[in-house]
């Protein structure tokens, strides 16, 4: 069976793109295999694990079961689109500071789900966090550190120290410079 390729006009992480994509591809396949945005993970391929979660018009969406053509005309934000030129999203930073990521496979999907929650409600209760992340499975943690990170990021956002529009409006491509320690700093932190 031959697949046909259509030119798809997508808005991903604020970038307007025109790319050739096989018509049978899911949004996840288009992101990973055509656009090379590999942050969204390919886990179960049936919408059970949440590792492929991205934001589509600000709504957490399982990209492994969404046909790519359903994303046309919508704004898609992947984990790669959460950071800005100024640095990581507060949630990404708090995941690091709170030890919320273990193996990291589920982390991109959890981050996307949690960013949507914090955009709607920057002061969620533990139950609201638990509900918002109920579609994201983590096999490494007991979720407590993840919930702590979401709460801490919410506090930072409420204080006006970060956050993005999860619909990805008016985003510019991110280019992060890697920082290097000077020779004087070697061996110290």
C-alpha atoms as a PDB file:
ATOM      1  CA  UNK A   1       0.000   0.000   0.000  1.00  0.00           C
ATOM      2  CA  UNK A   2       1.425   3.349  -1.034  1.00  0.00           C
ATOM      3  CA  UNK A   3       1.006   6.327   1.221  1.00  0.00           C
ATOM      4  CA  UNK A   4       0.429   9.739  -0.215  1.00  0.00           C
ATOM      5  CA  UNK A   5       2.230  12.793   0.986  1.00  0.00           C
ATOM      6  CA  UNK A   6       0.451  16.088   1.449  1.00  0.00           C
ATOM      7  CA  UNK A   7       1.883  19.476   2.226  1.00  0.00           C
ATOM      8  CA  UNK A   8       0.773  20.280   5.749  1.00  0.00           C
ATOM      9  CA  UNK A   9       0.733  23.779   7.121  1.00  0.00           C
ATOM     10  CA  UNK A  10       1.377  23.520  10.832  1.00  0.00           C
ATOM     11  CA  UNK A  11       2.155  25.963  13.614  1.00  0.00           C
ATOM     12  CA  UNK A  12       4.523  24.197  15.984  1.00  0.00           C
ATOM     13  CA  UNK A  13       6.142  25.996  18.915  1.00  0.00           C
ATOM     14  CA  UNK A  14       5.184  29.285  17.301  1.00  0.00           C
ATOM     15  CA  UNK A  15       6.868  28.516  13.979  1.00  0.00           C
ATOM     16  CA  UNK A  16       4.712  28.403  10.842  1.00  0.00           C
ATOM     17  CA  UNK A  17       5.798  25.367   8.839  1.00  0.00           C
ATOM     18  CA  UNK A  18       4.960  23.816   5.490  1.00  0.00           C
ATOM     19  CA  UNK A  19       6.143  20.232   5.316  1.00  0.00           C
ATOM     20  CA  UNK A  20       5.430  17.095   3.352  1.00  0.00           C
ATOM     21  CA  UNK A  21       3.816  14.539   5.644  1.00  0.00           C
ATOM     22  CA  UNK A  22       2.369  11.108   4.778  1.00  0.00           C
ATOM     23  CA  UNK A  23      -1.402  11.396   5.124  1.00  0.00           C
ATOM     24  CA  UNK A  24      -1.634   8.388   7.444  1.00  0.00           C
ATOM     25  CA  UNK A  25       0.757   9.872  10.051  1.00  0.00           C
ATOM     26  CA  UNK A  26      -0.308  10.771  13.533  1.00  0.00           C
ATOM     27  CA  UNK A  27       0.689  14.112  14.989  1.00  0.00           C
ATOM     28  CA  UNK A  28       3.350  12.296  17.033  1.00  0.00           C
ATOM     29  CA  UNK A  29       4.867  10.701  13.930  1.00  0.00           C
ATOM     30  CA  UNK A  30       4.922  14.064  12.152  1.00  0.00           C
ATOM     31  CA  UNK A  31       6.600  15.722  15.142  1.00  0.00           C
ATOM     32  CA  UNK A  32       9.209  13.014  15.702  1.00  0.00           C
ATOM     33  CA  UNK A  33       9.966  11.694  12.222  1.00  0.00           C
ATOM     34  CA  UNK A  34       9.339  14.675   9.952  1.00  0.00           C
ATOM     35  CA  UNK A  35      10.055  17.685  12.158  1.00  0.00           C
ATOM     36  CA  UNK A  36      12.651  15.857  14.305  1.00  0.00           C
ATOM     37  CA  UNK A  37      11.121  17.154  17.530  1.00  0.00           C
ATOM     38  CA  UNK A  38      11.836  14.070  19.613  1.00  0.00           C
ATOM     39  CA  UNK A  39      10.881  15.426  23.025  1.00  0.00           C
ATOM     40  CA  UNK A  40       7.397  13.922  22.793  1.00  0.00           C
ATOM     41  CA  UNK A  41       7.896  10.225  23.412  1.00  0.00           C
ATOM     42  CA  UNK A  42       6.426   7.298  21.544  1.00  0.00           C
ATOM     43  CA  UNK A  43       5.269   4.951  24.279  1.00  0.00           C
ATOM     44  CA  UNK A  44       2.126   2.886  23.987  1.00  0.00           C
ATOM     45  CA  UNK A  45       0.828   4.177  20.626  1.00  0.00           C
ATOM     46  CA  UNK A  46      -2.736   3.828  21.873  1.00  0.00           C
ATOM     47  CA  UNK A  47      -3.289   6.811  24.170  1.00  0.00           C
ATOM     48  CA  UNK A  48      -2.753   5.068  27.490  1.00  0.00           C
ATOM     49  CA  UNK A  49       0.575   6.344  28.859  1.00  0.00           C
ATOM     50  CA  UNK A  50       0.575  10.095  28.111  1.00  0.00           C
ATOM     51  CA  UNK A  51       4.260  10.197  27.113  1.00  0.00           C
ATOM     52  CA  UNK A  52       3.256  11.754  23.774  1.00  0.00           C
ATOM     53  CA  UNK A  53       1.191  14.584  25.304  1.00  0.00           C
ATOM     54  CA  UNK A  54       1.523  17.937  23.557  1.00  0.00           C
ATOM     55  CA  UNK A  55      -0.612  21.067  23.685  1.00  0.00           C
ATOM     56  CA  UNK A  56      -2.991  21.680  20.800  1.00  0.00           C
ATOM     57  CA  UNK A  57      -4.562  25.120  21.080  1.00  0.00           C
ATOM     58  CA  UNK A  58      -3.596  24.983  24.749  1.00  0.00           C
ATOM     59  CA  UNK A  59      -5.267  21.637  25.474  1.00  0.00           C
ATOM     60  CA  UNK A  60      -3.219  18.577  26.501  1.00  0.00           C
ATOM     61  CA  UNK A  61      -3.560  16.150  23.599  1.00  0.00           C
ATOM     62  CA  UNK A  62      -2.370  12.596  23.054  1.00  0.00           C
ATOM     63  CA  UNK A  63      -0.430  13.054  19.826  1.00  0.00           C
ATOM     64  CA  UNK A  64      -0.067   9.305  19.214  1.00  0.00           C
ATOM     65  CA  UNK A  65      -3.776   8.936  18.452  1.00  0.00           C
ATOM     66  CA  UNK A  66      -4.421  12.286  16.762  1.00  0.00           C
ATOM     67  CA  UNK A  67      -4.203  12.195  12.963  1.00  0.00           C
ATOM     68  CA  UNK A  68      -1.843  14.944  11.822  1.00  0.00           C
ATOM     69  CA  UNK A  69      -4.531  16.477   9.608  1.00  0.00           C
ATOM     70  CA  UNK A  70      -6.556  17.280  12.758  1.00  0.00           C
ATOM     71  CA  UNK A  71      -3.740  19.621  13.851  1.00  0.00           C
ATOM     72  CA  UNK A  72      -3.915  21.744  10.704  1.00  0.00           C
ATOM     73  CA  UNK A  73      -4.844  25.324  11.567  1.00  0.00           C
ATOM     74  CA  UNK A  74      -4.161  24.755  15.263  1.00  0.00           C
ATOM     75  CA  UNK A  75      -1.236  25.760  17.439  1.00  0.00           C
ATOM     76  CA  UNK A  76       0.886  22.856  18.652  1.00  0.00           C
ATOM     77  CA  UNK A  77       3.333  23.244  21.526  1.00  0.00           C
ATOM     78  CA  UNK A  78       5.760  20.454  22.366  1.00  0.00           C
ATOM     79  CA  UNK A  79       8.140  20.246  25.301  1.00  0.00           C
ATOM     80  CA  UNK A  80      10.745  21.906  23.075  1.00  0.00           C
ATOM     81  CA  UNK A  81       8.494  24.966  22.897  1.00  0.00           C
ATOM     82  CA  UNK A  82       8.145  25.516  26.647  1.00  0.00           C
ATOM     83  CA  UNK A  83      11.494  27.235  27.161  1.00  0.00           C
ATOM     84  CA  UNK A  84      12.278  30.719  25.905  1.00  0.00           C
ATOM     85  CA  UNK A  85      15.530  32.417  24.951  1.00  0.00           C
ATOM     86  CA  UNK A  86      15.650  33.668  28.550  1.00  0.00           C
ATOM     87  CA  UNK A  87      15.667  30.149  29.956  1.00  0.00           C
ATOM     88  CA  UNK A  88      13.532  27.171  30.889  1.00  0.00           C
ATOM     89  CA  UNK A  89       9.867  27.426  31.792  1.00  0.00           C
ATOM     90  CA  UNK A  90       9.469  27.669  35.603  1.00  0.00           C
ATOM     91  CA  UNK A  91       7.984  24.175  35.580  1.00  0.00           C
ATOM     92  CA  UNK A  92      11.040  22.754  33.814  1.00  0.00           C
ATOM     93  CA  UNK A  93      13.257  24.514  36.334  1.00  0.00           C
ATOM     94  CA  UNK A  94      11.229  23.226  39.292  1.00  0.00           C
ATOM     95  CA  UNK A  95      11.316  19.670  37.925  1.00  0.00           C
ATOM     96  CA  UNK A  96      15.094  19.949  38.081  1.00  0.00           C
ATOM     97  CA  UNK A  97      15.202  21.598  41.522  1.00  0.00           C
ATOM     98  CA  UNK A  98      12.712  19.136  43.048  1.00  0.00           C
ATOM     99  CA  UNK A  99      14.160  15.962  41.525  1.00  0.00           C
ATOM    100  CA  UNK A 100      10.827  15.322  39.793  1.00  0.00           C
ATOM    101  CA  UNK A 101      12.290  13.651  36.696  1.00  0.00           C
ATOM    102  CA  UNK A 102      13.739  10.192  37.036  1.00  0.00           C
ATOM    103  CA  UNK A 103      14.364   8.358  33.754  1.00  0.00           C
ATOM    104  CA  UNK A 104      12.767  11.276  31.887  1.00  0.00           C
ATOM    105  CA  UNK A 105      10.642   9.273  29.459  1.00  0.00           C
ATOM    106  CA  UNK A 106       7.324  10.528  30.844  1.00  0.00           C
ATOM    107  CA  UNK A 107       8.595  14.013  31.692  1.00  0.00           C
ATOM    108  CA  UNK A 108       7.773  15.812  28.404  1.00  0.00           C
ATOM    109  CA  UNK A 109       4.141  14.689  28.518  1.00  0.00           C
ATOM    110  CA  UNK A 110       3.792  15.543  32.195  1.00  0.00           C
ATOM    111  CA  UNK A 111       5.320  18.978  31.597  1.00  0.00           C
ATOM    112  CA  UNK A 112       2.838  19.729  28.807  1.00  0.00           C
ATOM    113  CA  UNK A 113      -0.140  18.607  30.895  1.00  0.00           C
ATOM    114  CA  UNK A 114       1.057  20.599  33.914  1.00  0.00           C
ATOM    115  CA  UNK A 115       1.762  23.761  31.887  1.00  0.00           C
ATOM    116  CA  UNK A 116      -1.850  23.717  30.664  1.00  0.00           C
ATOM    117  CA  UNK A 117      -3.066  23.314  34.253  1.00  0.00           C
ATOM    118  CA  UNK A 118      -0.909  26.176  35.536  1.00  0.00           C
ATOM    119  CA  UNK A 119      -2.047  28.421  32.702  1.00  0.00           C
ATOM    120  CA  UNK A 120      -5.664  27.896  33.757  1.00  0.00           C
ATOM    121  CA  UNK A 121      -5.016  27.724  37.493  1.00  0.00           C
ATOM    122  CA  UNK A 122      -1.625  28.839  38.857  1.00  0.00           C
ATOM    123  CA  UNK A 123      -2.673  27.771  42.377  1.00  0.00           C
ATOM    124  CA  UNK A 124      -3.964  24.214  41.965  1.00  0.00           C
ATOM    125  CA  UNK A 125      -4.642  21.929  44.908  1.00  0.00           C
ATOM    126  CA  UNK A 126      -2.946  18.531  45.113  1.00  0.00           C
ATOM    127  CA  UNK A 127      -6.184  16.936  43.968  1.00  0.00           C
ATOM    128  CA  UNK A 128      -6.362  19.267  40.947  1.00  0.00           C
ATOM    129  CA  UNK A 129      -2.751  18.462  40.064  1.00  0.00           C
ATOM    130  CA  UNK A 130      -3.435  14.741  40.471  1.00  0.00           C
ATOM    131  CA  UNK A 131      -6.498  15.016  38.204  1.00  0.00           C
ATOM    132  CA  UNK A 132      -4.657  17.075  35.537  1.00  0.00           C
ATOM    133  CA  UNK A 133      -1.827  14.529  35.421  1.00  0.00           C
ATOM    134  CA  UNK A 134      -4.026  11.431  35.664  1.00  0.00           C
ATOM    135  CA  UNK A 135      -3.408  10.600  31.992  1.00  0.00           C
ATOM    136  CA  UNK A 136       0.379  10.680  32.395  1.00  0.00           C
ATOM    137  CA  UNK A 137       1.970   7.512  33.725  1.00  0.00           C
ATOM    138  CA  UNK A 138       5.331   7.549  35.484  1.00  0.00           C
ATOM    139  CA  UNK A 139       6.846   4.207  36.383  1.00  0.00           C
ATOM    140  CA  UNK A 140       9.834   5.625  38.288  1.00  0.00           C
ATOM    141  CA  UNK A 141       8.361   7.918  40.935  1.00  0.00           C
ATOM    142  CA  UNK A 142       5.592   8.038  43.475  1.00  0.00           C
ATOM    143  CA  UNK A 143       4.495  11.362  41.922  1.00  0.00           C
ATOM    144  CA  UNK A 144       5.100  13.353  45.152  1.00  0.00           C
ATOM    145  CA  UNK A 145       8.125  15.207  43.751  1.00  0.00           C
ATOM    146  CA  UNK A 146       6.231  15.870  40.518  1.00  0.00           C
ATOM    147  CA  UNK A 147       3.354  17.420  42.486  1.00  0.00           C
ATOM    148  CA  UNK A 148       5.860  19.442  44.550  1.00  0.00           C
ATOM    149  CA  UNK A 149       7.422  20.786  41.337  1.00  0.00           C
ATOM    150  CA  UNK A 150       4.014  21.788  39.926  1.00  0.00           C
ATOM    151  CA  UNK A 151       3.131  23.597  43.160  1.00  0.00           C
ATOM    152  CA  UNK A 152       6.495  25.417  43.227  1.00  0.00           C
ATOM    153  CA  UNK A 153       6.172  26.431  39.569  1.00  0.00           C
ATOM    154  CA  UNK A 154       2.670  27.727  40.276  1.00  0.00           C
ATOM    155  CA  UNK A 155       4.059  29.892  43.067  1.00  0.00           C
ATOM    156  CA  UNK A 156       6.702  31.307  40.726  1.00  0.00           C
ATOM    157  CA  UNK A 157       4.112  32.043  38.052  1.00  0.00           C
ATOM    158  CA  UNK A 158       1.820  33.744  40.590  1.00  0.00           C
ATOM    159  CA  UNK A 159       4.779  35.921  41.588  1.00  0.00           C
ATOM    160  CA  UNK A 160       5.206  36.912  37.940  1.00  0.00           C
ATOM    161  CA  UNK A 161       8.395  34.920  37.447  1.00  0.00           C
ATOM    162  CA  UNK A 162       7.614  33.091  34.217  1.00  0.00           C
ATOM    163  CA  UNK A 163       5.058  31.116  32.308  1.00  0.00           C
ATOM    164  CA  UNK A 164       3.975  30.892  28.701  1.00  0.00           C
ATOM    165  CA  UNK A 165       0.793  30.909  26.782  1.00  0.00           C
ATOM    166  CA  UNK A 166       0.345  27.168  26.121  1.00  0.00           C
ATOM    167  CA  UNK A 167      -1.161  27.946  22.729  1.00  0.00           C
ATOM    168  CA  UNK A 168       2.296  29.013  21.587  1.00  0.00           C
ATOM    169  CA  UNK A 169       1.339  32.470  20.298  1.00  0.00           C
ATOM    170  CA  UNK A 170       4.067  34.715  18.972  1.00  0.00           C
ATOM    171  CA  UNK A 171       6.944  32.435  19.846  1.00  0.00           C
ATOM    172  CA  UNK A 172      10.368  32.830  18.348  1.00  0.00           C
ATOM    173  CA  UNK A 173      12.708  29.907  17.713  1.00  0.00           C
ATOM    174  CA  UNK A 174      14.685  29.005  20.774  1.00  0.00           C
ATOM    175  CA  UNK A 175      18.443  28.921  20.616  1.00  0.00           C
ATOM    176  CA  UNK A 176      20.111  28.021  23.876  1.00  0.00           C
ATOM    177  CA  UNK A 177      23.782  28.676  24.375  1.00  0.00           C
ATOM    178  CA  UNK A 178      25.514  26.086  26.463  1.00  0.00           C
ATOM    179  CA  UNK A 179      27.302  27.587  29.371  1.00  0.00           C
ATOM    180  CA  UNK A 180      30.817  26.534  30.136  1.00  0.00           C
ATOM    181  CA  UNK A 181      32.529  26.845  33.429  1.00  0.00           C
ATOM    182  CA  UNK A 182      35.697  28.818  33.442  1.00  0.00           C
ATOM    183  CA  UNK A 183      38.980  27.013  34.247  1.00  0.00           C
ATOM    184  CA  UNK A 184      38.846  28.670  37.686  1.00  0.00           C
ATOM    185  CA  UNK A 185      35.510  26.938  38.404  1.00  0.00           C
ATOM    186  CA  UNK A 186      36.622  23.427  37.461  1.00  0.00           C
ATOM    187  CA  UNK A 187      35.727  20.955  40.127  1.00  0.00           C
ATOM    188  CA  UNK A 188      33.505  23.374  42.077  1.00  0.00           C
ATOM    189  CA  UNK A 189      29.812  23.959  41.933  1.00  0.00           C
END
